[in-house]
Amino acid sequence: MRIKTTTKYLLLHIIYFLVGFVPRNWKIWIFGSGNESITGNSKWFFLYLHNSNKTNIRKIWLSRNKKIVKNLKAKKFEAYYLKSLKGFYYAIRGGVYFVNVNTNYDINYFFSNGAKKINLCHGMTMIKKSHLASDLKNNYSYKLFHGNLRQKIYYHFFYPYEYEKYDMMISTSEKVKENLKRANGKRAKNINITGYPRNDVLLKNIDSPFEKDRKLIKYFNFIKSNQKKIILYMPSYRDAKVYKSEPIDVPIDWKKLNSFLEKNKSIFILKLHPVERVPVQISPNYKNIKVLNKATDIYPILQYVDILITDYSSICYDFLLYSRPTVFYLYDLEEYKTEHQSLRDNFEDLLPGPIVKTFNALLHVLGNCIADENNFLKEHSKKINNCKNLTHKYIDSNSSKRIYEKVISKFA
């Protein structure tokens, strides 16, 4: 099996080399967002280009999921299954790649040689240290960039996309840009402060053509019409647990939480991180607690959320654009920073809301917030305003427009 895998990757490296000799068409822009979803900044930039009728370029979505391709084609978008002849062709001929994570996660690294690679990013690097900045020795990122010679050779051969250099990256502010530089080094040679396309939908009513988005919007509208508060819980993933396929162990008394929600006329929505492999089991008897599919695009429905609960996720900085309450449930802080990911030394000062570490404390803070939201926001206004200034240069719905203009001026 090891010989077979090594042979496969040797052939893939040869393909990557040969693809570099194929002439690229700079008017063909290639998009992707992982294997099982249409989400993230690439999705909203892709939709912007269609909605604004940018006819000077071909906009093509590539996916390893045939259902996604079928869905996109039904909406009159140009899309291809990556492992088809047309998928291969356009992956090799496309002049510009747009990704959220890296070319291999979102499209295919081994077809990308010679294309201009635009990383639209998926986080703000304000809380966690990643890649070059990682200092947790058992973490994947640390091994990639600080491991011994044997580890570096292994990762460069089997995970070369972790080291690819981007022709352009985007940021939301000077502080985020600074953190991206620390994390990526020479890989991030051209970072532009544009804002994130996914945040455009938070600040402007952008219609989604996708049925999943529309159904969720309809459901959340129904909840609000019944005058109920919506509490969204979005915990980040735990690296060590994901690698071992273990469930995230959230210390929540679901029965007690459901009673709290009934009393306070609230709905609790749980949305796990997309990389989580094991779902959280919650009894269907708890009618006030709902679980969203982990691949759900949360951005079309974030406008309906009254209170956000998270931990180490940068979703809190996107939610800042609404100036609504965020609570940080750090029940495993000591374990997280020693077992899962590196955290910035002063990260607690960069959280725009109160920190709680026990379930009872969480309920207490939620109760106070529901009872008097204005007082809650006033109490934490200094941190909220400071974090908003640090993470958002622009508070408008023109991020995609700025990205388009930058890419056209630099590469087209």
Protein backbone atom coordinates (compact mmCIF):
# COMPACT_ATOMS: atom_id res chain seq x y z
CA MET A 1 0.00 0.00 0.00
CA ARG A 2 2.83 2.42 0.85
CA ILE A 3 4.57 1.67 -2.48
CA LYS A 4 1.30 2.20 -4.35
CA THR A 5 0.67 5.56 -2.62
CA THR A 6 4.25 6.73 -3.23
CA THR A 7 3.99 5.80 -6.92
CA LYS A 8 0.70 7.67 -7.18
CA TYR A 9 2.19 10.86 -5.76
CA LEU A 10 5.31 10.56 -7.90
CA LEU A 11 3.05 10.52 -10.96
CA LEU A 12 1.08 13.48 -9.62
CA HIS A 13 4.29 15.50 -9.22
CA ILE A 14 5.20 14.66 -12.82
CA ILE A 15 1.73 15.83 -13.92
CA TYR A 16 2.21 19.07 -11.98
CA PHE A 17 5.52 19.65 -13.77
CA LEU A 18 4.11 18.94 -17.24
CA VAL A 19 1.01 21.07 -16.67
CA GLY A 20 3.33 24.05 -16.29
CA PHE A 21 4.04 23.93 -20.04
CA VAL A 22 0.36 24.23 -21.01
CA PRO A 23 -0.60 27.81 -22.00
CA ARG A 24 -3.20 29.34 -19.68
CA ASN A 25 -6.18 31.45 -20.70
CA TRP A 26 -6.27 34.44 -18.33
CA LYS A 27 -9.93 35.07 -19.13
CA ILE A 28 -10.94 31.72 -17.62
CA TRP A 29 -11.36 31.99 -13.85
CA ILE A 30 -11.67 28.75 -11.87
CA PHE A 31 -13.52 28.50 -8.54
CA GLY A 32 -13.97 25.84 -5.86
CA SER A 33 -14.73 25.44 -2.16
CA GLY A 34 -13.95 21.96 -0.94
CA ASN A 35 -15.40 18.65 -1.98
CA GLU A 36 -18.91 18.71 -0.56
CA SER A 37 -20.02 22.33 -0.51
CA ILE A 38 -20.55 25.65 -2.22
CA THR A 39 -19.49 28.02 0.55
CA GLY A 40 -17.03 30.65 1.65
CA ASN A 41 -15.51 33.66 -0.03
CA SER A 42 -15.12 31.84 -3.36
CA LYS A 43 -18.90 31.22 -3.50
CA TRP A 44 -19.84 34.84 -2.86
CA PHE A 45 -17.19 36.24 -5.20
CA PHE A 46 -18.39 33.80 -7.89
CA LEU A 47 -21.99 35.00 -7.41
CA TYR A 48 -20.89 38.65 -7.45
CA LEU A 49 -19.24 38.18 -10.85
CA HIS A 50 -22.43 36.66 -12.23
CA ASN A 51 -24.78 39.18 -10.64
CA SER A 52 -22.70 42.12 -11.88
CA ASN A 53 -22.56 40.58 -15.38
CA LYS A 54 -18.79 40.50 -15.78
CA THR A 55 -18.82 39.19 -19.37
CA ASN A 56 -15.11 39.81 -19.97
CA ILE A 57 -14.27 36.56 -18.17
CA ARG A 58 -15.49 32.96 -18.06
CA LYS A 59 -16.44 31.90 -14.56
CA ILE A 60 -16.16 28.12 -14.05
CA TRP A 61 -16.85 26.15 -10.88
CA LEU A 62 -15.02 22.83 -10.50
CA SER A 63 -16.04 20.22 -7.96
CA ARG A 64 -15.39 16.58 -7.07
CA ASN A 65 -19.07 16.30 -6.19
CA LYS A 66 -21.39 15.50 -9.13
CA LYS A 67 -24.49 16.71 -7.26
CA ILE A 68 -22.93 20.15 -6.79
CA VAL A 69 -22.09 20.33 -10.50
CA LYS A 70 -25.63 19.31 -11.43
CA ASN A 71 -27.09 21.89 -9.06
CA LEU A 72 -24.93 24.68 -10.49
CA LYS A 73 -25.74 23.77 -14.08
CA ALA A 74 -29.46 23.79 -13.25
CA LYS A 75 -28.95 27.42 -12.16
CA LYS A 76 -27.29 28.21 -15.53
CA PHE A 77 -23.78 28.44 -14.08
CA GLU A 78 -20.83 26.90 -15.91
CA ALA A 79 -19.58 24.00 -13.80
CA TYR A 80 -17.80 20.70 -14.37
CA TYR A 81 -17.02 17.55 -12.49
CA LEU A 82 -13.28 17.76 -11.85
CA LYS A 83 -12.61 14.15 -12.85
CA SER A 84 -14.30 14.53 -16.24
CA LEU A 85 -12.51 15.41 -19.49
CA LYS A 86 -13.88 18.96 -19.38
CA GLY A 87 -12.96 19.23 -15.72
CA PHE A 88 -9.38 18.23 -16.49
CA TYR A 89 -9.26 20.56 -19.48
CA TYR A 90 -10.44 23.70 -17.71
CA ALA A 91 -8.37 22.98 -14.60
CA ILE A 92 -5.28 22.94 -16.82
CA ARG A 93 -6.31 25.86 -19.07
CA GLY A 94 -7.83 28.19 -16.47
CA GLY A 95 -5.66 31.23 -15.92
CA VAL A 96 -6.74 32.22 -12.39
CA TYR A 97 -7.66 29.97 -9.44
CA PHE A 98 -9.82 31.28 -6.58
CA VAL A 99 -9.78 29.21 -3.37
CA ASN A 100 -10.79 29.49 0.29
CA VAL A 101 -8.19 27.15 1.83
CA ASN A 102 -5.69 25.91 -0.76
CA THR A 103 -5.79 24.71 -4.35
CA ASN A 104 -5.91 21.02 -3.44
CA TYR A 105 -8.69 21.29 -0.86
CA ASP A 106 -10.85 23.45 -3.12
CA ILE A 107 -9.85 22.34 -6.65
CA ASN A 108 -6.69 20.33 -7.44
CA TYR A 109 -3.13 21.38 -6.71
CA PHE A 110 -1.57 19.08 -9.31
CA PHE A 111 -3.41 20.85 -12.16
CA SER A 112 -2.61 24.35 -10.91
CA ASN A 113 1.00 24.87 -12.08
CA GLY A 114 1.13 28.05 -14.17
CA ALA A 115 -2.18 29.49 -12.96
CA LYS A 116 -2.37 32.65 -10.90
CA LYS A 117 -3.47 31.53 -7.44
CA ILE A 118 -5.73 33.83 -5.43
CA ASN A 119 -6.35 32.73 -1.83
CA LEU A 120 -9.55 34.40 -0.65
CA CYS A 121 -8.92 32.99 2.85
CA HIS A 122 -11.39 31.57 5.37
CA GLY A 123 -10.35 33.06 8.70
CA MET A 124 -8.80 36.15 10.25
CA THR A 125 -5.85 34.63 12.18
CA MET A 126 -6.61 36.83 15.19
CA ILE A 127 -6.96 34.07 17.80
CA LYS A 128 -4.92 31.10 16.59
CA LYS A 129 -1.33 30.84 15.47
CA SER A 130 -1.01 28.80 12.30
CA HIS A 131 1.59 27.56 9.83
CA LEU A 132 4.91 29.38 10.38
CA ALA A 133 3.57 31.05 13.53
CA SER A 134 2.58 27.76 15.18
CA ASP A 135 4.57 26.82 18.29
CA LEU A 136 2.62 23.75 19.48
CA LYS A 137 4.95 20.86 18.71
CA ASN A 138 2.32 18.14 18.34
CA ASN A 139 0.26 20.26 15.93
CA TYR A 140 0.08 19.52 12.19
CA SER A 141 1.06 23.10 11.27
CA TYR A 142 4.14 22.98 13.48
CA LYS A 143 5.33 19.72 11.92
CA LEU A 144 4.83 21.16 8.44
CA PHE A 145 7.07 24.16 8.98
CA HIS A 146 9.23 23.37 12.01
CA GLY A 147 9.61 19.60 11.88
CA ASN A 148 12.84 17.69 11.36
CA LEU A 149 14.32 17.05 7.89
CA ARG A 150 12.57 13.70 7.53
CA GLN A 151 9.19 15.24 8.33
CA LYS A 152 9.75 18.13 5.92
CA ILE A 153 10.65 15.78 3.06
CA TYR A 154 7.58 13.66 3.82
CA TYR A 155 5.18 16.62 3.91
CA HIS A 156 6.66 18.30 0.82
CA PHE A 157 6.15 15.08 -1.14
CA PHE A 158 2.67 14.09 0.07
CA TYR A 159 1.26 17.54 0.96
CA PRO A 160 3.00 20.00 -1.43
CA TYR A 161 -0.07 22.26 -1.52
CA GLU A 162 0.63 23.24 2.09
CA TYR A 163 3.71 25.09 0.82
CA GLU A 164 2.34 26.64 -2.38
CA LYS A 165 2.90 30.33 -2.96
CA TYR A 166 -0.06 32.56 -3.73
CA ASP A 167 0.01 35.34 -6.27
CA MET A 168 -2.50 37.23 -4.15
CA MET A 169 -4.20 36.91 -0.78
CA ILE A 170 -6.89 39.11 0.73
CA SER A 171 -7.34 40.58 4.17
CA THR A 172 -9.91 42.61 6.08
CA SER A 173 -7.51 44.98 7.89
CA GLU A 174 -3.87 45.88 8.54
CA LYS A 175 -3.83 43.73 11.69
CA VAL A 176 -5.17 40.68 9.87
CA LYS A 177 -2.69 41.31 7.05
CA GLU A 178 0.15 41.40 9.57
CA ASN A 179 -0.96 38.07 11.05
CA LEU A 180 -1.27 36.50 7.60
CA LYS A 181 2.31 37.52 6.83
CA ARG A 182 3.56 35.92 10.05
CA ALA A 183 1.67 32.72 9.30
CA ASN A 184 2.60 32.41 5.62
CA GLY A 185 5.93 34.19 5.16
CA LYS A 186 7.04 34.23 1.51
CA ARG A 187 3.87 32.37 0.51
CA ALA A 188 1.95 35.61 1.09
CA LYS A 189 3.94 38.03 -1.03
CA ASN A 190 0.95 40.10 -2.16
CA ILE A 191 -1.77 40.73 0.43
CA ASN A 192 -4.52 43.22 -0.41
CA ILE A 193 -6.94 44.69 2.12
CA THR A 194 -10.28 44.32 0.39
CA GLY A 195 -12.65 42.78 2.92
CA TYR A 196 -14.24 39.34 2.52
CA PRO A 197 -16.92 38.58 -0.11
CA ARG A 198 -18.83 36.49 2.44
CA ASN A 199 -19.26 39.65 4.53
CA ASP A 200 -20.90 41.50 1.64
CA VAL A 201 -23.97 39.35 2.18
CA LEU A 202 -24.08 40.47 5.83
CA LEU A 203 -24.27 44.12 4.84
CA LYS A 204 -26.41 43.91 1.72
CA ASN A 205 -29.41 41.80 0.78
CA ILE A 206 -27.84 39.49 -1.82
CA ASP A 207 -30.22 36.89 -3.19
CA SER A 208 -28.84 33.36 -3.25
CA PRO A 209 -29.91 31.17 -6.17
CA PHE A 210 -29.46 28.00 -4.13
CA GLU A 211 -32.45 26.16 -2.70
CA LYS A 212 -30.66 25.24 0.54
CA ASP A 213 -30.00 28.90 1.29
CA ARG A 214 -33.59 29.87 0.50
CA LYS A 215 -35.07 27.14 2.70
CA LEU A 216 -32.91 28.19 5.64
CA ILE A 217 -33.82 31.84 5.19
CA LYS A 218 -37.51 30.87 5.12
CA TYR A 219 -37.09 28.80 8.30
CA PHE A 220 -35.25 31.56 10.17
CA ASN A 221 -37.86 34.08 9.05
CA PHE A 222 -40.49 31.77 10.51
CA ILE A 223 -38.65 31.68 13.87
CA LYS A 224 -38.39 35.48 13.98
CA SER A 225 -42.06 35.87 13.05
CA ASN A 226 -42.85 33.94 16.23
CA GLN A 227 -40.83 36.54 18.16
CA LYS A 228 -38.20 34.12 19.34
CA LYS A 229 -34.55 34.87 19.99
CA ILE A 230 -32.05 32.91 17.88
CA ILE A 231 -28.87 31.79 19.62
CA LEU A 232 -26.25 30.34 17.29
CA TYR A 233 -23.47 28.13 18.66
CA MET A 234 -20.49 27.63 16.34
CA PRO A 235 -17.58 25.91 18.11
CA SER A 236 -14.26 25.55 16.31
CA TYR A 237 -12.85 22.10 15.66
CA ARG A 238 -10.38 20.37 17.97
CA ASP A 239 -7.40 19.17 15.93
CA ALA A 240 -6.47 16.10 17.95
CA LYS A 241 -10.08 14.88 18.09
CA VAL A 242 -10.59 15.36 14.34
CA TYR A 243 -7.46 13.32 13.54
CA LYS A 244 -8.69 10.52 15.82
CA SER A 245 -12.31 10.78 14.55
CA GLU A 246 -13.51 11.49 18.08
CA PRO A 247 -16.61 13.61 18.78
CA ILE A 248 -16.25 17.10 20.19
CA ASP A 249 -17.04 16.80 23.90
CA VAL A 250 -19.17 19.87 24.62
CA PRO A 251 -20.14 20.17 28.32
CA ILE A 252 -23.74 21.19 27.82
CA ASP A 253 -26.71 19.85 29.77
CA TRP A 254 -29.07 19.69 26.80
CA LYS A 255 -32.16 19.06 28.93
CA LYS A 256 -31.41 22.04 31.16
CA LEU A 257 -30.60 24.15 28.10
CA ASN A 258 -33.91 23.24 26.44
CA SER A 259 -35.82 24.28 29.58
CA PHE A 260 -33.90 27.58 29.65
CA LEU A 261 -34.79 28.19 26.01
CA GLU A 262 -38.48 27.49 26.57
CA LYS A 263 -38.54 29.92 29.47
CA ASN A 264 -36.75 32.63 27.47
CA LYS A 265 -38.58 32.09 24.15
CA SER A 266 -35.38 31.23 22.33
CA ILE A 267 -34.10 28.74 19.76
CA PHE A 268 -30.59 27.29 20.03
CA ILE A 269 -28.90 26.47 16.70
CA LEU A 270 -25.79 24.24 16.70
CA LYS A 271 -23.50 24.40 13.67
CA LEU A 272 -20.31 22.32 13.84
CA HIS A 273 -17.13 23.09 11.91
CA PRO A 274 -17.06 21.47 8.41
CA VAL A 275 -14.04 19.27 9.26
CA GLU A 276 -15.73 17.63 12.26
CA ARG A 277 -16.19 13.94 11.47
CA VAL A 278 -18.44 12.87 14.34
CA PRO A 279 -21.76 14.65 15.01
CA VAL A 280 -22.97 15.74 18.45
CA GLN A 281 -25.88 13.56 19.54
CA ILE A 282 -28.91 15.52 20.80
CA SER A 283 -32.30 14.05 21.60
CA PRO A 284 -35.10 15.07 19.18
CA ASN A 285 -37.27 15.65 22.27
CA TYR A 286 -35.50 18.96 22.81
CA LYS A 287 -37.66 21.01 20.46
CA ASN A 288 -35.86 24.29 21.06
CA ILE A 289 -32.48 22.90 19.97
CA LYS A 290 -31.75 22.50 16.25
CA VAL A 291 -28.65 21.12 14.53
CA LEU A 292 -27.60 22.42 11.12
CA ASN A 293 -25.70 20.32 8.61
CA LYS A 294 -21.98 21.04 9.08
CA ALA A 295 -21.66 21.99 5.38
CA THR A 296 -24.33 24.71 5.71
CA ASP A 297 -23.37 28.17 4.54
CA ILE A 298 -24.18 30.24 7.60
CA TYR A 299 -23.76 33.67 6.00
CA PRO A 300 -27.21 34.08 4.37
CA ILE A 301 -28.85 33.49 7.77
CA LEU A 302 -26.40 35.23 10.11
CA GLN A 303 -28.56 38.37 9.86
CA TYR A 304 -31.28 36.59 11.88
CA VAL A 305 -29.00 35.60 14.77
CA ASP A 306 -29.48 37.54 18.01
CA ILE A 307 -26.64 36.02 20.06
CA LEU A 308 -23.54 34.17 18.86
CA ILE A 309 -21.71 31.64 21.02
CA THR A 310 -18.29 30.50 19.85
CA ASP A 311 -14.80 29.86 21.20
CA TYR A 312 -11.67 30.12 19.02
CA SER A 313 -13.41 30.76 15.70
CA SER A 314 -13.03 33.97 13.70
CA ILE A 315 -16.77 33.92 12.95
CA CYS A 316 -16.96 36.32 15.91
CA TYR A 317 -15.26 39.05 13.82
CA ASP A 318 -17.69 38.65 10.94
CA PHE A 319 -20.59 38.84 13.41
CA LEU A 320 -19.11 42.10 14.74
CA LEU A 321 -20.47 43.82 11.66
CA TYR A 322 -23.92 43.54 13.24
CA SER A 323 -22.83 44.91 16.66
CA ARG A 324 -24.72 42.14 18.45
CA PRO A 325 -23.72 40.08 21.51
CA THR A 326 -21.10 37.35 21.29
CA VAL A 327 -20.27 35.00 24.17
CA PHE A 328 -17.10 32.89 24.28
CA TYR A 329 -17.50 29.44 25.78
CA LEU A 330 -13.91 28.36 26.55
CA TYR A 331 -14.67 25.24 28.57
CA ASP A 332 -11.44 23.50 27.47
CA LEU A 333 -8.99 26.39 27.26
CA GLU A 334 -6.02 24.66 28.91
CA GLU A 335 -6.51 21.47 26.90
CA TYR A 336 -7.05 23.37 23.66
CA LYS A 337 -3.82 25.34 23.79
CA THR A 338 -1.73 22.30 24.76
CA GLU A 339 -3.39 19.61 22.62
CA HIS A 340 -5.06 21.25 19.64
CA GLN A 341 -3.74 24.61 18.40
CA SER A 342 -1.46 27.46 19.35
CA LEU A 343 -3.23 30.55 20.68
CA ARG A 344 -1.92 34.10 20.64
CA ASP A 345 -0.54 35.27 23.98
CA ASN A 346 -3.09 38.08 24.28
CA PHE A 347 -5.95 36.42 22.45
CA GLU A 348 -8.43 36.95 25.33
CA ASP A 349 -8.06 40.72 24.86
CA LEU A 350 -9.10 40.26 21.23
CA LEU A 351 -12.40 38.53 21.97
CA PRO A 352 -15.32 40.98 21.54
CA GLY A 353 -17.43 39.67 24.40
CA PRO A 354 -17.41 37.91 27.78
CA ILE A 355 -15.57 34.63 28.40
CA VAL A 356 -17.23 31.79 30.32
CA LYS A 357 -15.79 28.39 31.17
CA THR A 358 -18.70 26.46 32.68
CA PHE A 359 -22.18 25.64 31.42
CA ASN A 360 -23.89 27.35 34.38
CA ALA A 361 -21.89 30.51 33.72
CA LEU A 362 -22.92 30.34 30.07
CA LEU A 363 -26.62 30.17 31.00
CA HIS A 364 -26.19 33.07 33.42
CA VAL A 365 -24.62 35.30 30.75
CA LEU A 366 -27.21 34.32 28.16
CA GLY A 367 -29.99 35.12 30.61
CA ASN A 368 -28.57 38.58 31.30
CA CYS A 369 -28.13 39.22 27.59
CA ILE A 370 -31.70 38.22 26.73
CA ALA A 371 -33.08 40.27 29.63
CA ASP A 372 -31.18 43.47 28.72
CA GLU A 373 -29.21 43.37 25.48
CA ASN A 374 -28.45 47.08 25.47
CA ASN A 375 -26.82 46.90 28.88
CA PHE A 376 -24.85 43.84 27.79
CA LEU A 377 -23.50 45.66 24.73
CA LYS A 378 -22.74 48.78 26.77
CA GLU A 379 -20.79 46.71 29.32
CA HIS A 380 -18.59 45.20 26.60
CA SER A 381 -18.56 48.17 24.20
CA LYS A 382 -14.84 48.92 24.63
CA LYS A 383 -13.75 45.43 23.52
CA ILE A 384 -16.36 45.32 20.76
CA ASN A 385 -15.29 48.64 19.25
CA ASN A 386 -11.59 47.85 19.62
CA CYS A 387 -11.97 44.49 17.86
CA LYS A 388 -14.08 45.98 15.09
CA ASN A 389 -11.45 48.64 14.41
CA LEU A 390 -8.68 46.01 14.39
CA THR A 391 -10.41 43.58 12.04
CA HIS A 392 -12.41 45.68 9.57
CA LYS A 393 -10.98 48.49 7.46
CA TYR A 394 -14.15 48.55 5.38
CA ILE A 395 -17.67 48.21 6.68
CA ASP A 396 -19.59 48.09 3.42
CA SER A 397 -20.72 45.57 0.81
CA ASN A 398 -18.00 46.25 -1.78
CA SER A 399 -15.39 43.60 -0.92
CA SER A 400 -16.01 41.56 -4.08
CA LYS A 401 -15.84 44.72 -6.21
CA ARG A 402 -12.44 45.61 -4.74
CA ILE A 403 -11.14 42.07 -5.33
CA TYR A 404 -12.32 42.07 -8.95
CA GLU A 405 -10.61 45.40 -9.61
CA LYS A 406 -7.36 44.21 -7.99
CA VAL A 407 -7.26 40.95 -9.95
CA ILE A 408 -8.06 42.67 -13.27
CA SER A 409 -5.37 45.29 -12.71
CA LYS A 410 -2.71 42.77 -11.68
CA PHE A 411 -3.30 39.67 -13.78
CA ALA A 412 -5.87 39.98 -16.56
